[in-house]
N, C-alpha and C. Protein backbone atom coordinates (compact mmCIF):
# COMPACT_ATOMS: atom_id res chain seq x y z
N MET A 1 23.46 51.33 -0.57
CA MET A 1 24.35 52.03 0.35
C MET A 1 24.46 51.21 1.63
N ARG A 2 23.64 50.14 1.79
CA ARG A 2 23.61 49.59 3.21
C ARG A 2 24.91 48.86 3.52
N TRP A 3 25.76 48.52 2.58
CA TRP A 3 27.26 47.97 2.69
C TRP A 3 27.94 48.93 3.59
N ILE A 4 27.78 50.22 3.42
CA ILE A 4 28.62 51.26 4.20
C ILE A 4 28.17 51.05 5.74
N ASP A 5 26.84 50.83 5.96
CA ASP A 5 26.42 50.71 7.33
C ASP A 5 27.12 49.46 8.08
N ARG A 6 27.47 48.48 7.31
CA ARG A 6 28.05 47.31 7.90
C ARG A 6 29.42 47.26 8.17
N ILE A 7 30.19 48.44 7.67
CA ILE A 7 31.57 48.64 7.99
C ILE A 7 31.66 49.26 9.46
N PRO A 8 32.51 48.69 10.33
CA PRO A 8 32.52 49.18 11.64
C PRO A 8 33.11 50.64 11.49
N LYS A 9 32.40 51.64 12.35
CA LYS A 9 32.73 52.98 12.17
C LYS A 9 34.20 53.21 12.58
N TRP A 10 34.81 52.42 13.74
CA TRP A 10 36.08 52.68 14.05
C TRP A 10 37.08 52.53 13.04
N LEU A 11 36.67 51.40 12.01
CA LEU A 11 37.59 51.13 11.07
C LEU A 11 37.60 52.13 9.89
N LEU A 12 36.33 52.77 9.55
CA LEU A 12 36.31 53.82 8.70
C LEU A 12 37.08 55.01 9.15
N VAL A 13 37.06 55.23 10.47
CA VAL A 13 37.87 56.48 10.89
C VAL A 13 39.31 56.19 10.90
N ALA A 14 39.66 54.98 11.24
CA ALA A 14 41.19 54.68 11.26
C ALA A 14 41.79 54.62 9.75
N VAL A 15 41.09 54.18 8.92
CA VAL A 15 41.56 54.13 7.39
C VAL A 15 41.50 55.55 6.86
N ALA A 16 40.40 56.34 7.33
CA ALA A 16 40.32 57.65 6.71
C ALA A 16 41.50 58.53 7.18
N ILE A 17 41.91 58.42 8.49
CA ILE A 17 42.80 59.27 9.17
C ILE A 17 44.12 58.78 8.46
N TYR A 18 44.25 57.52 8.51
CA TYR A 18 45.65 56.93 7.87
C TYR A 18 46.05 57.35 6.52
N LEU A 19 44.97 57.12 5.63
CA LEU A 19 45.12 57.54 4.18
C LEU A 19 45.11 59.01 3.91
N ALA A 20 44.50 59.77 4.81
CA ALA A 20 44.56 61.25 4.57
C ALA A 20 45.90 61.79 4.99
N GLY A 21 46.60 61.11 5.93
CA GLY A 21 47.90 61.67 6.35
C GLY A 21 48.97 60.84 5.69
N ALA A 22 48.90 59.79 5.27
CA ALA A 22 49.90 58.96 4.62
C ALA A 22 50.51 59.57 3.26
N PRO A 23 51.75 59.65 2.96
CA PRO A 23 52.78 59.47 4.02
C PRO A 23 53.04 60.75 4.67
N PHE A 24 53.34 60.58 5.90
CA PHE A 24 53.29 61.75 6.92
C PHE A 24 54.50 62.78 6.71
N VAL A 25 55.45 62.29 6.14
CA VAL A 25 56.69 63.02 5.88
C VAL A 25 57.09 62.98 4.39
N PRO A 26 57.41 64.17 3.73
CA PRO A 26 57.51 65.48 4.17
C PRO A 26 56.14 66.12 4.26
N GLU A 27 55.09 65.64 3.53
CA GLU A 27 53.97 66.28 3.40
C GLU A 27 52.92 65.21 2.88
N PRO A 28 51.65 65.15 3.52
CA PRO A 28 50.67 64.18 3.32
C PRO A 28 50.31 64.16 1.81
N HIS A 29 50.16 63.10 1.34
CA HIS A 29 49.72 63.09 -0.08
C HIS A 29 48.50 63.81 -0.55
N LEU A 30 47.59 63.70 0.50
CA LEU A 30 46.19 64.42 0.23
C LEU A 30 46.34 66.01 0.16
N THR A 31 47.20 66.52 1.00
CA THR A 31 47.50 67.91 0.91
C THR A 31 48.18 68.33 -0.38
N GLU A 32 49.23 67.55 -0.71
CA GLU A 32 49.90 67.70 -2.07
C GLU A 32 48.89 67.58 -3.16
N LYS A 33 48.06 66.50 -3.28
CA LYS A 33 47.15 66.34 -4.39
C LYS A 33 46.11 67.49 -4.42
N TRP A 34 45.49 67.96 -3.35
CA TRP A 34 44.61 68.88 -3.38
C TRP A 34 45.17 70.35 -3.86
N ARG A 35 46.49 70.57 -3.48
CA ARG A 35 47.23 71.66 -3.91
C ARG A 35 47.44 71.60 -5.58
N MET A 36 47.78 70.48 -5.91
CA MET A 36 48.02 70.17 -7.34
C MET A 36 46.66 70.43 -8.13
N LEU A 37 45.44 70.06 -7.54
CA LEU A 37 44.32 70.19 -8.18
C LEU A 37 43.94 71.75 -8.24
N PHE A 38 44.16 72.36 -7.09
CA PHE A 38 43.91 73.85 -7.30
C PHE A 38 44.84 74.62 -8.21
N ASP A 39 45.99 74.21 -8.35
CA ASP A 39 47.00 74.74 -9.32
C ASP A 39 46.89 74.44 -10.67
N GLY A 40 46.00 73.38 -10.94
CA GLY A 40 45.75 72.93 -12.30
C GLY A 40 46.88 71.99 -12.75
N ALA A 41 47.61 71.47 -11.84
CA ALA A 41 48.66 70.47 -12.16
C ALA A 41 48.32 69.02 -11.94
N LEU A 42 47.16 68.66 -11.47
CA LEU A 42 46.76 67.20 -11.42
C LEU A 42 46.35 66.69 -12.76
N THR A 43 47.45 66.26 -13.44
CA THR A 43 47.08 65.84 -14.85
C THR A 43 47.50 64.41 -15.10
N ARG A 44 48.65 63.92 -14.42
CA ARG A 44 49.09 62.69 -14.65
C ARG A 44 48.13 61.46 -13.97
N PRO A 45 47.97 60.49 -14.88
CA PRO A 45 47.07 59.41 -14.29
C PRO A 45 47.47 58.85 -12.99
N ILE A 46 48.58 58.87 -12.64
CA ILE A 46 48.98 58.18 -11.26
C ILE A 46 48.66 59.19 -10.15
N ASP A 47 48.75 60.44 -10.39
CA ASP A 47 48.40 61.51 -9.54
C ASP A 47 46.86 61.49 -9.26
N ILE A 48 46.04 61.45 -10.27
CA ILE A 48 44.65 61.46 -10.19
C ILE A 48 44.13 60.21 -9.39
N PHE A 49 44.83 58.98 -9.66
CA PHE A 49 44.53 57.73 -9.01
C PHE A 49 44.83 58.03 -7.51
N ASP A 50 46.02 58.64 -7.20
CA ASP A 50 46.50 58.80 -5.78
C ASP A 50 45.36 59.70 -5.11
N PHE A 51 45.06 60.72 -5.89
CA PHE A 51 44.12 61.63 -5.26
C PHE A 51 42.80 60.87 -4.82
N PHE A 52 42.35 60.09 -5.53
CA PHE A 52 40.94 59.39 -5.42
C PHE A 52 41.39 58.26 -4.25
N LEU A 53 42.45 57.77 -4.32
CA LEU A 53 42.73 56.68 -3.20
C LEU A 53 42.78 57.30 -1.88
N HIS A 54 43.43 58.49 -1.65
CA HIS A 54 43.44 59.07 -0.55
C HIS A 54 42.24 59.76 0.00
N THR A 55 41.33 60.18 -1.07
CA THR A 55 40.12 60.90 -0.69
C THR A 55 38.83 59.90 -0.41
N THR A 56 38.86 58.84 -1.08
CA THR A 56 37.71 57.91 -1.02
C THR A 56 37.24 57.52 0.44
N PRO A 57 38.34 57.26 1.36
CA PRO A 57 37.82 56.86 2.66
C PRO A 57 37.15 57.91 3.50
N LEU A 58 37.56 59.21 3.25
CA LEU A 58 36.96 60.41 3.81
C LEU A 58 35.51 60.56 3.43
N VAL A 59 35.35 60.38 2.04
CA VAL A 59 34.02 60.28 1.41
C VAL A 59 33.21 59.39 2.06
N VAL A 60 33.53 58.06 2.20
CA VAL A 60 32.88 57.00 2.75
C VAL A 60 32.42 57.22 4.14
N LEU A 61 33.46 57.76 4.92
CA LEU A 61 33.22 58.12 6.30
C LEU A 61 32.05 59.13 6.42
N ALA A 62 32.12 60.20 5.72
CA ALA A 62 31.17 61.36 5.53
C ALA A 62 29.71 60.75 5.26
N ILE A 63 29.79 59.85 4.28
CA ILE A 63 28.40 59.15 3.89
C ILE A 63 27.81 58.36 5.09
N ARG A 64 28.77 57.68 5.87
CA ARG A 64 28.27 56.76 6.95
C ARG A 64 27.87 57.77 8.13
N LEU A 65 28.65 58.89 8.35
CA LEU A 65 28.12 59.76 9.42
C LEU A 65 26.82 60.26 9.13
N TRP A 66 26.55 60.87 7.83
CA TRP A 66 25.36 61.34 7.41
C TRP A 66 24.23 60.45 7.58
N ARG A 67 24.36 59.17 7.06
CA ARG A 67 23.34 58.02 7.27
C ARG A 67 23.08 57.80 8.68
N ASP A 68 24.00 57.86 9.47
CA ASP A 68 23.80 57.66 10.84
C ASP A 68 22.82 58.73 11.49
N THR A 69 23.19 60.03 11.12
CA THR A 69 22.50 61.06 11.51
C THR A 69 21.02 60.98 11.12
N GLN A 70 20.82 60.79 9.84
CA GLN A 70 19.50 60.60 9.27
C GLN A 70 18.73 59.65 10.00
N ARG A 71 19.26 58.45 10.42
CA ARG A 71 18.56 57.30 11.09
C ARG A 71 18.26 57.82 12.49
N ARG A 72 19.13 58.53 13.02
CA ARG A 72 18.70 58.92 14.54
C ARG A 72 17.66 59.95 14.39
N ARG A 73 17.64 60.93 13.50
CA ARG A 73 16.51 61.76 13.28
C ARG A 73 15.23 61.07 13.04
N GLN A 74 15.23 60.11 12.15
CA GLN A 74 13.98 59.40 12.02
C GLN A 74 13.55 58.55 12.96
N ALA A 75 14.45 58.09 13.98
CA ALA A 75 14.07 57.42 15.14
C ALA A 75 13.41 58.40 16.26
N LYS A 76 13.85 59.52 16.22
CA LYS A 76 13.09 60.67 17.05
C LYS A 76 11.70 60.86 16.75
N ASP A 77 11.35 60.96 15.41
CA ASP A 77 10.22 61.34 14.96
C ASP A 77 9.10 60.23 15.14
């Protein structure tokens, strides 16, 4: 997981925000795919791929922030 620590945080934030919102009009893909998932309509392979494509940067950013927090806590102790 150390490879995540080598990615600049500003880049992770920028990519996560961009892919979470893209395309911005008429509705972000991530919103559409989550709605499809909850409705049980996320069945086509391209939609599943698109769901993971737009969600992965958010997951990587969350892992990075969690790891940073853990490291700061260990430094205090």
